[in-house]
């Protein structure tokens, strides 16, 4: 399911106009991104938890040349599945 299909599905289930549902979904996504950028966790009970973790720098290998390369550390988003979602 992509964003358009999600908007259509929610609109049908709730009776809310598609453009309003799209605005809410986009605001939801931007709010999660903003919270993660500030270093906060976002927990949706039963669904899961979004958080940010630090990946350490490491050494990798270029598959074409076999040469070792340095992979710098970075922050990445992480999602931990919640109890309701894990029952699938």
N, C-alpha and C. Protein backbone atom coordinates (compact mmCIF):
# COMPACT_ATOMS: atom_id res chain seq x y z
N UNK A 1 0.85 -1.17 0.00
CA UNK A 1 0.00 0.00 0.00
C UNK A 1 0.89 1.24 0.00
N UNK A 2 0.61 2.16 -0.91
CA UNK A 2 1.35 3.41 -0.93
C UNK A 2 0.52 4.51 -0.26
N UNK A 3 1.05 5.74 -0.24
CA UNK A 3 0.37 6.82 0.47
C UNK A 3 -1.00 7.12 -0.14
N UNK A 4 -1.11 7.11 -1.45
CA UNK A 4 -2.38 7.38 -2.11
C UNK A 4 -3.44 6.35 -1.73
N UNK A 5 -3.04 5.10 -1.71
CA UNK A 5 -3.97 4.03 -1.33
C UNK A 5 -4.35 4.15 0.14
N UNK A 6 -3.41 4.54 0.99
CA UNK A 6 -3.69 4.74 2.40
C UNK A 6 -4.71 5.86 2.59
N UNK A 7 -4.51 6.96 1.90
CA UNK A 7 -5.43 8.09 1.97
C UNK A 7 -6.83 7.65 1.53
N UNK A 8 -6.91 6.92 0.42
CA UNK A 8 -8.20 6.45 -0.08
C UNK A 8 -8.88 5.53 0.93
N UNK A 9 -8.13 4.60 1.52
CA UNK A 9 -8.69 3.66 2.48
C UNK A 9 -9.22 4.36 3.73
N UNK A 10 -8.43 5.28 4.28
CA UNK A 10 -8.85 6.02 5.47
C UNK A 10 -10.06 6.89 5.16
N UNK A 11 -10.06 7.51 3.99
CA UNK A 11 -11.18 8.35 3.59
C UNK A 11 -12.48 7.54 3.51
N UNK A 12 -12.40 6.35 2.94
CA UNK A 12 -13.58 5.49 2.83
C UNK A 12 -14.08 5.03 4.20
N UNK A 13 -13.14 4.70 5.09
CA UNK A 13 -13.52 4.18 6.41
C UNK A 13 -14.08 5.25 7.33
N UNK A 14 -13.62 6.49 7.17
CA UNK A 14 -14.02 7.55 8.10
C UNK A 14 -15.03 8.52 7.52
N UNK A 15 -15.13 8.57 6.20
CA UNK A 15 -16.03 9.54 5.58
C UNK A 15 -15.45 10.93 5.50
N UNK A 16 -14.18 11.07 5.82
CA UNK A 16 -13.49 12.36 5.74
C UNK A 16 -12.96 12.53 4.31
N UNK A 17 -12.97 13.76 3.81
CA UNK A 17 -12.51 14.04 2.46
C UNK A 17 -11.04 13.65 2.28
N UNK A 18 -10.72 13.17 1.08
CA UNK A 18 -9.36 12.70 0.80
C UNK A 18 -8.30 13.78 1.02
N UNK A 19 -8.61 15.01 0.62
CA UNK A 19 -7.60 16.07 0.80
C UNK A 19 -7.33 16.35 2.28
N UNK A 20 -8.33 16.21 3.13
CA UNK A 20 -8.13 16.40 4.57
C UNK A 20 -7.32 15.25 5.16
N UNK A 21 -7.63 14.02 4.72
CA UNK A 21 -6.88 12.85 5.18
C UNK A 21 -5.42 12.97 4.76
N UNK A 22 -5.18 13.39 3.53
CA UNK A 22 -3.80 13.56 3.03
C UNK A 22 -3.04 14.58 3.88
N UNK A 23 -3.69 15.67 4.22
CA UNK A 23 -3.07 16.70 5.07
C UNK A 23 -2.70 16.14 6.44
N UNK A 24 -3.60 15.36 7.02
CA UNK A 24 -3.35 14.76 8.33
C UNK A 24 -2.18 13.79 8.27
N UNK A 25 -2.16 12.93 7.25
CA UNK A 25 -1.07 11.95 7.11
C UNK A 25 0.27 12.65 6.92
N UNK A 26 0.30 13.67 6.06
CA UNK A 26 1.55 14.41 5.84
C UNK A 26 2.00 15.12 7.11
N UNK A 27 1.07 15.66 7.87
CA UNK A 27 1.41 16.31 9.15
C UNK A 27 1.94 15.30 10.15
N UNK A 28 1.32 14.12 10.18
CA UNK A 28 1.76 13.03 11.05
C UNK A 28 3.21 12.64 10.74
N UNK A 29 3.50 12.46 9.47
CA UNK A 29 4.86 12.07 9.06
C UNK A 29 5.86 13.17 9.43
N UNK A 30 5.53 14.43 9.14
CA UNK A 30 6.43 15.53 9.45
C UNK A 30 6.65 15.67 10.95
N UNK A 31 5.63 15.42 11.75
CA UNK A 31 5.76 15.49 13.20
C UNK A 31 6.71 14.42 13.71
N UNK A 32 6.61 13.21 13.18
CA UNK A 32 7.53 12.13 13.58
C UNK A 32 8.95 12.49 13.18
N UNK A 33 9.15 12.97 11.96
CA UNK A 33 10.49 13.35 11.50
C UNK A 33 11.06 14.45 12.39
N UNK A 34 10.27 15.45 12.70
CA UNK A 34 10.72 16.56 13.56
C UNK A 34 11.14 16.05 14.94
N UNK A 35 10.34 15.16 15.52
CA UNK A 35 10.68 14.62 16.84
C UNK A 35 11.96 13.81 16.80
N UNK A 36 12.14 13.02 15.76
CA UNK A 36 13.36 12.22 15.64
C UNK A 36 14.58 13.11 15.45
N UNK A 37 14.45 14.18 14.69
CA UNK A 37 15.56 15.12 14.50
C UNK A 37 15.97 15.77 15.81
N UNK A 38 15.00 15.95 16.72
CA UNK A 38 15.29 16.54 18.03
C UNK A 38 15.81 15.50 19.02
N UNK A 39 15.89 14.24 18.57
CA UNK A 39 16.42 13.18 19.43
C UNK A 39 15.38 12.51 20.30
N UNK A 40 14.11 12.77 20.06
CA UNK A 40 13.03 12.17 20.85
C UNK A 40 12.54 10.87 20.24
N UNK A 41 11.97 10.02 21.09
CA UNK A 41 11.30 8.81 20.63
C UNK A 41 9.84 9.15 20.37
N UNK A 42 9.23 8.41 19.44
CA UNK A 42 7.79 8.53 19.20
C UNK A 42 7.21 7.14 19.41
N UNK A 43 6.35 6.99 20.42
CA UNK A 43 5.77 5.70 20.75
C UNK A 43 4.27 5.72 20.48
N UNK A 44 3.83 4.78 19.67
CA UNK A 44 2.42 4.58 19.39
C UNK A 44 2.07 3.22 19.99
N UNK A 45 1.46 3.22 21.16
CA UNK A 45 1.21 2.00 21.91
C UNK A 45 0.44 0.99 21.05
N UNK A 46 0.97 -0.22 21.00
CA UNK A 46 0.37 -1.28 20.21
C UNK A 46 0.91 -1.35 18.80
N UNK A 47 1.39 -0.22 18.27
CA UNK A 47 1.92 -0.17 16.91
C UNK A 47 3.43 -0.30 16.89
N UNK A 48 4.12 0.60 17.61
CA UNK A 48 5.58 0.53 17.66
C UNK A 48 6.20 1.83 18.11
N UNK A 49 7.54 1.84 18.13
CA UNK A 49 8.30 2.99 18.58
C UNK A 49 9.33 3.38 17.53
N UNK A 50 9.33 4.66 17.17
CA UNK A 50 10.34 5.22 16.28
C UNK A 50 11.41 5.85 17.16
N UNK A 51 12.67 5.62 16.82
CA UNK A 51 13.77 6.24 17.57
C UNK A 51 14.95 6.46 16.63
N UNK A 52 15.98 7.12 17.15
CA UNK A 52 17.20 7.37 16.38
C UNK A 52 18.35 6.69 17.10
N UNK A 53 19.19 5.98 16.34
CA UNK A 53 20.37 5.35 16.92
C UNK A 53 21.61 5.85 16.18
N UNK A 54 22.75 5.78 16.85
CA UNK A 54 24.02 6.14 16.23
C UNK A 54 24.70 4.88 15.71
N UNK A 55 25.06 4.90 14.44
CA UNK A 55 25.84 3.80 13.87
C UNK A 55 27.31 4.18 13.96
N UNK A 56 28.13 3.27 14.45
CA UNK A 56 29.55 3.53 14.58
C UNK A 56 30.22 3.48 13.21
N UNK A 57 31.31 4.23 13.05
CA UNK A 57 32.07 4.10 11.80
C UNK A 57 32.67 2.70 11.71
N UNK A 58 32.85 2.23 10.49
CA UNK A 58 33.39 0.88 10.31
C UNK A 58 34.14 0.79 9.00
N UNK A 59 34.83 -0.32 8.81
CA UNK A 59 35.57 -0.58 7.59
C UNK A 59 34.77 -1.56 6.74
N UNK A 60 34.62 -1.23 5.46
CA UNK A 60 33.92 -2.10 4.53
C UNK A 60 34.83 -2.47 3.38
N UNK A 61 34.30 -3.24 2.44
CA UNK A 61 35.07 -3.66 1.28
C UNK A 61 34.29 -3.31 0.02
N UNK A 62 34.96 -2.64 -0.93
CA UNK A 62 34.35 -2.35 -2.22
C UNK A 62 34.24 -3.67 -2.99
N UNK A 63 33.04 -4.12 -3.35
CA UNK A 63 32.89 -5.42 -3.99
C UNK A 63 33.52 -5.50 -5.38
N UNK A 64 33.66 -4.39 -6.05
CA UNK A 64 34.28 -4.40 -7.39
C UNK A 64 35.79 -4.56 -7.34
N UNK A 65 36.41 -3.81 -6.40
CA UNK A 65 37.88 -3.78 -6.37
C UNK A 65 38.47 -4.60 -5.24
N UNK A 66 37.68 -4.91 -4.24
CA UNK A 66 38.20 -5.62 -3.08
C UNK A 66 38.95 -4.71 -2.12
N UNK A 67 39.00 -3.43 -2.46
CA UNK A 67 39.72 -2.46 -1.64
C UNK A 67 38.91 -2.12 -0.39
N UNK A 68 39.62 -1.97 0.74
CA UNK A 68 38.95 -1.58 1.98
C UNK A 68 38.59 -0.11 1.92
N UNK A 69 37.41 0.21 2.45
CA UNK A 69 36.95 1.59 2.48
C UNK A 69 36.45 1.92 3.88
N UNK A 70 36.49 3.20 4.20
CA UNK A 70 36.00 3.67 5.50
C UNK A 70 34.54 4.09 5.34
N UNK A 71 33.67 3.57 6.18
CA UNK A 71 32.25 3.95 6.20
C UNK A 71 32.04 4.78 7.46
N UNK A 72 31.72 6.07 7.28
CA UNK A 72 31.58 6.94 8.45
C UNK A 72 30.35 6.60 9.28
N UNK A 73 30.39 6.97 10.54
CA UNK A 73 29.24 6.78 11.43
C UNK A 73 28.14 7.76 11.07
N UNK A 74 26.92 7.43 11.44
CA UNK A 74 25.81 8.33 11.18
C UNK A 74 24.63 7.97 12.08
N UNK A 75 23.66 8.86 12.11
CA UNK A 75 22.44 8.60 12.85
C UNK A 75 21.41 8.03 11.88
N UNK A 76 20.68 6.99 12.33
CA UNK A 76 19.66 6.37 11.49
C UNK A 76 18.38 6.17 12.29
N UNK A 77 17.25 6.19 11.58
CA UNK A 77 15.97 5.95 12.22
C UNK A 77 15.79 4.45 12.44
N UNK A 78 15.13 4.11 13.55
CA UNK A 78 14.89 2.72 13.91
C UNK A 78 13.42 2.59 14.28
N UNK A 79 12.83 1.44 13.94
CA UNK A 79 11.45 1.18 14.31
C UNK A 79 11.39 -0.15 15.05
N UNK A 80 10.83 -0.11 16.25
CA UNK A 80 10.65 -1.33 17.04
C UNK A 80 9.16 -1.65 17.03
N UNK A 81 8.82 -2.82 16.57
CA UNK A 81 7.43 -3.23 16.40
C UNK A 81 6.73 -3.34 17.75
N UNK A 82 5.45 -2.94 17.79
CA UNK A 82 4.65 -3.00 19.00
C UNK A 82 3.90 -4.33 19.12
N UNK A 83 3.24 -4.52 20.24
CA UNK A 83 2.60 -5.79 20.55
C UNK A 83 1.46 -6.14 19.59
N UNK A 84 0.61 -5.19 19.26
CA UNK A 84 -0.50 -5.47 18.37
C UNK A 84 -0.02 -5.80 16.96
N UNK A 85 0.99 -5.10 16.50
CA UNK A 85 1.53 -5.33 15.17
C UNK A 85 2.28 -6.65 15.09
N UNK A 86 2.86 -7.08 16.19
CA UNK A 86 3.63 -8.33 16.18
C UNK A 86 2.74 -9.57 16.12
N UNK A 87 1.44 -9.40 16.30
CA UNK A 87 0.52 -10.53 16.28
C UNK A 87 0.12 -10.96 14.87
N UNK A 88 0.67 -10.35 13.85
CA UNK A 88 0.31 -10.68 12.47
C UNK A 88 0.70 -12.06 12.09
